[in-house]
């Protein structure tokens, strides 16, 4: 992995099984405080085993301070791969230090090396990063599309 913009003192690397707690903490900081740890552990292990998934971490002084989860899959309509940034989170005290930008650059690198035709991400318009134009400033354009979904509840064990 090569990132063009890495803030001084920050290491960008792929996550390992040992990073589970740090990733769980960042997901809580992203605005998902009610995540079930038991279900998270299960899905984290599944993501780690999936060759089409990447969990990229930003680390400072041996502490994980940011993450991007990236998935790659072939798309018939594109006749190429689609790469999606599924989650992007930076610890609140580390925001504004170009860590999010470095993680986006890493995702762009994954997309380029995956023969992808499109790199996408979904975000909430209420998020501060959206309101300040973070994604636009980093080369993304807003698509004229709608997200349609059905939510299913899982009973925690």
C-alpha atoms as a PDB file:
ATOM      1  CA  UNK A   1       0.000   0.000   0.000  1.00  0.00           C
ATOM      2  CA  UNK A   2       1.351   3.403  -0.963  1.00  0.00           C
ATOM      3  CA  UNK A   3      -0.247   6.621   0.195  1.00  0.00           C
ATOM      4  CA  UNK A   4       0.848   9.959  -1.226  1.00  0.00           C
ATOM      5  CA  UNK A   5      -0.370  12.066   1.690  1.00  0.00           C
ATOM      6  CA  UNK A   6       0.533  10.623   5.063  1.00  0.00           C
ATOM      7  CA  UNK A   7       0.664  13.075   7.961  1.00  0.00           C
ATOM      8  CA  UNK A   8       3.925  13.022   9.882  1.00  0.00           C
ATOM      9  CA  UNK A   9       3.992  10.313  12.529  1.00  0.00           C
ATOM     10  CA  UNK A  10       1.043   8.410  11.041  1.00  0.00           C
ATOM     11  CA  UNK A  11       1.332   4.854   9.754  1.00  0.00           C
ATOM     12  CA  UNK A  12      -1.242   3.524   7.278  1.00  0.00           C
ATOM     13  CA  UNK A  13      -1.622  -0.261   7.401  1.00  0.00           C
ATOM     14  CA  UNK A  14      -4.087  -3.094   6.994  1.00  0.00           C
ATOM     15  CA  UNK A  15      -5.969  -4.217  10.088  1.00  0.00           C
ATOM     16  CA  UNK A  16      -5.327  -7.543  11.763  1.00  0.00           C
ATOM     17  CA  UNK A  17      -7.406  -9.676  14.105  1.00  0.00           C
ATOM     18  CA  UNK A  18      -5.610  -7.963  17.002  1.00  0.00           C
ATOM     19  CA  UNK A  19      -7.138  -4.579  16.026  1.00  0.00           C
ATOM     20  CA  UNK A  20     -10.710  -5.626  16.783  1.00  0.00           C
ATOM     21  CA  UNK A  21     -11.180  -3.520  19.951  1.00  0.00           C
ATOM     22  CA  UNK A  22      -9.658  -0.413  18.353  1.00  0.00           C
ATOM     23  CA  UNK A  23     -11.899  -0.758  15.294  1.00  0.00           C
ATOM     24  CA  UNK A  24     -14.935  -1.287  17.517  1.00  0.00           C
ATOM     25  CA  UNK A  25     -14.079   1.925  19.394  1.00  0.00           C
ATOM     26  CA  UNK A  26     -13.748   3.927  16.176  1.00  0.00           C
ATOM     27  CA  UNK A  27     -17.077   2.640  14.890  1.00  0.00           C
ATOM     28  CA  UNK A  28     -18.664   3.803  18.145  1.00  0.00           C
ATOM     29  CA  UNK A  29     -17.021   7.216  17.666  1.00  0.00           C
ATOM     30  CA  UNK A  30     -18.429   7.366  14.124  1.00  0.00           C
ATOM     31  CA  UNK A  31     -21.898   7.454  15.623  1.00  0.00           C
ATOM     32  CA  UNK A  32     -22.837   3.851  16.200  1.00  0.00           C
ATOM     33  CA  UNK A  33     -22.653   3.671  20.020  1.00  0.00           C
ATOM     34  CA  UNK A  34     -25.216   0.862  20.343  1.00  0.00           C
ATOM     35  CA  UNK A  35     -23.281  -1.733  18.357  1.00  0.00           C
ATOM     36  CA  UNK A  36     -23.506  -5.213  19.793  1.00  0.00           C
ATOM     37  CA  UNK A  37     -19.952  -6.299  20.628  1.00  0.00           C
ATOM     38  CA  UNK A  38     -20.864  -9.969  20.143  1.00  0.00           C
ATOM     39  CA  UNK A  39     -22.225  -9.371  16.630  1.00  0.00           C
ATOM     40  CA  UNK A  40     -19.371  -6.960  15.831  1.00  0.00           C
ATOM     41  CA  UNK A  41     -16.775  -9.622  16.727  1.00  0.00           C
ATOM     42  CA  UNK A  42     -18.510 -12.127  14.458  1.00  0.00           C
ATOM     43  CA  UNK A  43     -18.672  -9.731  11.501  1.00  0.00           C
ATOM     44  CA  UNK A  44     -15.142  -8.405  12.076  1.00  0.00           C
ATOM     45  CA  UNK A  45     -13.735 -11.924  11.757  1.00  0.00           C
ATOM     46  CA  UNK A  46     -15.804 -12.458   8.621  1.00  0.00           C
ATOM     47  CA  UNK A  47     -14.463  -9.230   7.093  1.00  0.00           C
ATOM     48  CA  UNK A  48     -10.884 -10.232   7.952  1.00  0.00           C
ATOM     49  CA  UNK A  49     -11.347 -13.519   6.048  1.00  0.00           C
ATOM     50  CA  UNK A  50     -12.986 -11.949   2.976  1.00  0.00           C
ATOM     51  CA  UNK A  51     -10.422 -11.291   0.199  1.00  0.00           C
ATOM     52  CA  UNK A  52     -12.674  -8.614  -1.333  1.00  0.00           C
ATOM     53  CA  UNK A  53     -12.623  -6.539   1.879  1.00  0.00           C
ATOM     54  CA  UNK A  54      -9.911  -4.254   3.229  1.00  0.00           C
ATOM     55  CA  UNK A  55      -9.804  -2.572   6.626  1.00  0.00           C
ATOM     56  CA  UNK A  56      -7.209   0.173   6.422  1.00  0.00           C
ATOM     57  CA  UNK A  57      -6.012   1.766   9.644  1.00  0.00           C
ATOM     58  CA  UNK A  58      -4.226   4.978  10.515  1.00  0.00           C
ATOM     59  CA  UNK A  59      -1.994   4.590  13.547  1.00  0.00           C
ATOM     60  CA  UNK A  60      -0.130   7.145  15.659  1.00  0.00           C
ATOM     61  CA  UNK A  61       2.198   6.109  18.487  1.00  0.00           C
ATOM     62  CA  UNK A  62       0.849   2.529  18.361  1.00  0.00           C
ATOM     63  CA  UNK A  63      -2.745   3.766  18.740  1.00  0.00           C
ATOM     64  CA  UNK A  64      -5.332   3.315  15.981  1.00  0.00           C
ATOM     65  CA  UNK A  65      -6.726   6.783  15.215  1.00  0.00           C
ATOM     66  CA  UNK A  66      -8.614   6.203  11.962  1.00  0.00           C
ATOM     67  CA  UNK A  67     -10.052   3.553   9.692  1.00  0.00           C
ATOM     68  CA  UNK A  68     -11.517   2.999   6.275  1.00  0.00           C
ATOM     69  CA  UNK A  69     -13.293  -0.187   5.303  1.00  0.00           C
ATOM     70  CA  UNK A  70     -13.189  -0.823   1.583  1.00  0.00           C
ATOM     71  CA  UNK A  71     -14.957  -3.498  -0.452  1.00  0.00           C
ATOM     72  CA  UNK A  72     -14.442  -4.563  -4.039  1.00  0.00           C
ATOM     73  CA  UNK A  73     -16.890  -6.430  -6.238  1.00  0.00           C
ATOM     74  CA  UNK A  74     -17.495  -6.902  -9.965  1.00  0.00           C
ATOM     75  CA  UNK A  75     -20.435  -5.029 -11.461  1.00  0.00           C
ATOM     76  CA  UNK A  76     -22.113  -6.103 -14.681  1.00  0.00           C
ATOM     77  CA  UNK A  77     -23.392  -2.598 -15.420  1.00  0.00           C
ATOM     78  CA  UNK A  78     -19.875  -1.165 -15.180  1.00  0.00           C
ATOM     79  CA  UNK A  79     -18.175  -4.124 -16.862  1.00  0.00           C
ATOM     80  CA  UNK A  80     -15.512  -3.653 -14.215  1.00  0.00           C
ATOM     81  CA  UNK A  81     -15.013  -3.658 -10.473  1.00  0.00           C
ATOM     82  CA  UNK A  82     -16.789  -1.273  -8.152  1.00  0.00           C
ATOM     83  CA  UNK A  83     -14.900  -0.271  -5.019  1.00  0.00           C
ATOM     84  CA  UNK A  84     -16.887   1.115  -2.113  1.00  0.00           C
ATOM     85  CA  UNK A  85     -15.728   2.903   1.002  1.00  0.00           C
ATOM     86  CA  UNK A  86     -18.114   1.374   3.497  1.00  0.00           C
ATOM     87  CA  UNK A  87     -16.942   3.201   6.618  1.00  0.00           C
ATOM     88  CA  UNK A  88     -14.513   6.048   7.231  1.00  0.00           C
ATOM     89  CA  UNK A  89     -13.833   7.167  10.777  1.00  0.00           C
ATOM     90  CA  UNK A  90     -11.213   9.280  12.512  1.00  0.00           C
ATOM     91  CA  UNK A  91     -11.048   9.565  16.288  1.00  0.00           C
ATOM     92  CA  UNK A  92     -12.539  12.945  17.287  1.00  0.00           C
ATOM     93  CA  UNK A  93      -9.308  14.211  18.848  1.00  0.00           C
ATOM     94  CA  UNK A  94      -7.385  13.411  15.629  1.00  0.00           C
ATOM     95  CA  UNK A  95      -9.718  15.109  13.153  1.00  0.00           C
ATOM     96  CA  UNK A  96      -8.390  18.021  11.132  1.00  0.00           C
ATOM     97  CA  UNK A  97      -4.915  16.467  10.749  1.00  0.00           C
ATOM     98  CA  UNK A  98      -5.333  15.029   7.219  1.00  0.00           C
ATOM     99  CA  UNK A  99      -5.834  11.488   8.503  1.00  0.00           C
ATOM    100  CA  UNK A 100      -9.185  11.136   6.730  1.00  0.00           C
ATOM    101  CA  UNK A 101      -7.572  12.398   3.553  1.00  0.00           C
ATOM    102  CA  UNK A 102      -4.749   9.847   3.857  1.00  0.00           C
ATOM    103  CA  UNK A 103      -7.310   7.067   4.325  1.00  0.00           C
ATOM    104  CA  UNK A 104      -9.258   8.267   1.272  1.00  0.00           C
ATOM    105  CA  UNK A 105      -6.039   8.282  -0.754  1.00  0.00           C
ATOM    106  CA  UNK A 106      -5.388   4.714   0.327  1.00  0.00           C
ATOM    107  CA  UNK A 107      -8.896   3.710  -0.787  1.00  0.00           C
ATOM    108  CA  UNK A 108      -8.271   5.430  -4.137  1.00  0.00           C
ATOM    109  CA  UNK A 109      -5.080   3.392  -4.478  1.00  0.00           C
ATOM    110  CA  UNK A 110      -6.964   0.161  -3.779  1.00  0.00           C
ATOM    111  CA  UNK A 111      -9.510   1.173  -6.428  1.00  0.00           C
ATOM    112  CA  UNK A 112      -6.839   1.934  -9.026  1.00  0.00           C
ATOM    113  CA  UNK A 113      -5.058  -1.359  -8.411  1.00  0.00           C
ATOM    114  CA  UNK A 114      -8.326  -3.341  -8.514  1.00  0.00           C
ATOM    115  CA  UNK A 115      -9.219  -2.501 -12.090  1.00  0.00           C
ATOM    116  CA  UNK A 116     -12.140  -0.508 -10.832  1.00  0.00           C
ATOM    117  CA  UNK A 117     -14.260   1.803 -12.893  1.00  0.00           C
ATOM    118  CA  UNK A 118     -15.896   3.546  -9.936  1.00  0.00           C
ATOM    119  CA  UNK A 119     -15.140   4.359  -6.314  1.00  0.00           C
ATOM    120  CA  UNK A 120     -18.226   5.120  -4.244  1.00  0.00           C
ATOM    121  CA  UNK A 121     -19.128   5.943  -0.686  1.00  0.00           C
ATOM    122  CA  UNK A 122     -22.330   6.629   1.171  1.00  0.00           C
ATOM    123  CA  UNK A 123     -22.493   9.297   3.815  1.00  0.00           C
ATOM    124  CA  UNK A 124     -25.132  11.079   5.811  1.00  0.00           C
ATOM    125  CA  UNK A 125     -25.771  14.691   4.836  1.00  0.00           C
ATOM    126  CA  UNK A 126     -26.004  15.541   8.550  1.00  0.00           C
ATOM    127  CA  UNK A 127     -22.388  14.485   9.176  1.00  0.00           C
ATOM    128  CA  UNK A 128     -19.948  17.316   9.717  1.00  0.00           C
ATOM    129  CA  UNK A 129     -17.612  15.902   7.043  1.00  0.00           C
ATOM    130  CA  UNK A 130     -20.387  16.166   4.455  1.00  0.00           C
ATOM    131  CA  UNK A 131     -21.422  19.663   5.552  1.00  0.00           C
ATOM    132  CA  UNK A 132     -17.868  21.014   5.208  1.00  0.00           C
ATOM    133  CA  UNK A 133     -17.444  19.450   1.759  1.00  0.00           C
ATOM    134  CA  UNK A 134     -14.750  16.973   2.772  1.00  0.00           C
ATOM    135  CA  UNK A 135     -15.578  14.454   0.039  1.00  0.00           C
ATOM    136  CA  UNK A 136     -15.981  17.085  -2.692  1.00  0.00           C
ATOM    137  CA  UNK A 137     -12.587  18.554  -1.733  1.00  0.00           C
ATOM    138  CA  UNK A 138     -11.107  15.076  -2.152  1.00  0.00           C
ATOM    139  CA  UNK A 139     -12.357  14.487  -5.695  1.00  0.00           C
ATOM    140  CA  UNK A 140     -15.795  12.928  -5.163  1.00  0.00           C
ATOM    141  CA  UNK A 141     -18.956  14.207  -6.823  1.00  0.00           C
ATOM    142  CA  UNK A 142     -22.427  13.737  -5.422  1.00  0.00           C
ATOM    143  CA  UNK A 143     -24.422  11.229  -7.478  1.00  0.00           C
ATOM    144  CA  UNK A 144     -28.037  11.739  -8.405  1.00  0.00           C
ATOM    145  CA  UNK A 145     -29.263   8.518  -6.859  1.00  0.00           C
ATOM    146  CA  UNK A 146     -31.322   7.286  -3.956  1.00  0.00           C
ATOM    147  CA  UNK A 147     -30.482   4.711  -1.332  1.00  0.00           C
ATOM    148  CA  UNK A 148     -33.293   2.251  -0.884  1.00  0.00           C
ATOM    149  CA  UNK A 149     -33.149  -0.174   2.034  1.00  0.00           C
ATOM    150  CA  UNK A 150     -34.990  -2.614   4.201  1.00  0.00           C
ATOM    151  CA  UNK A 151     -33.819  -2.856   7.814  1.00  0.00           C
ATOM    152  CA  UNK A 152     -33.826  -6.244   9.570  1.00  0.00           C
ATOM    153  CA  UNK A 153     -33.471  -6.661  13.318  1.00  0.00           C
ATOM    154  CA  UNK A 154     -31.235  -9.338  14.802  1.00  0.00           C
ATOM    155  CA  UNK A 155     -31.792 -10.636  18.289  1.00  0.00           C
ATOM    156  CA  UNK A 156     -28.617 -10.422  20.362  1.00  0.00           C
ATOM    157  CA  UNK A 157     -27.691 -13.653  22.014  1.00  0.00           C
END
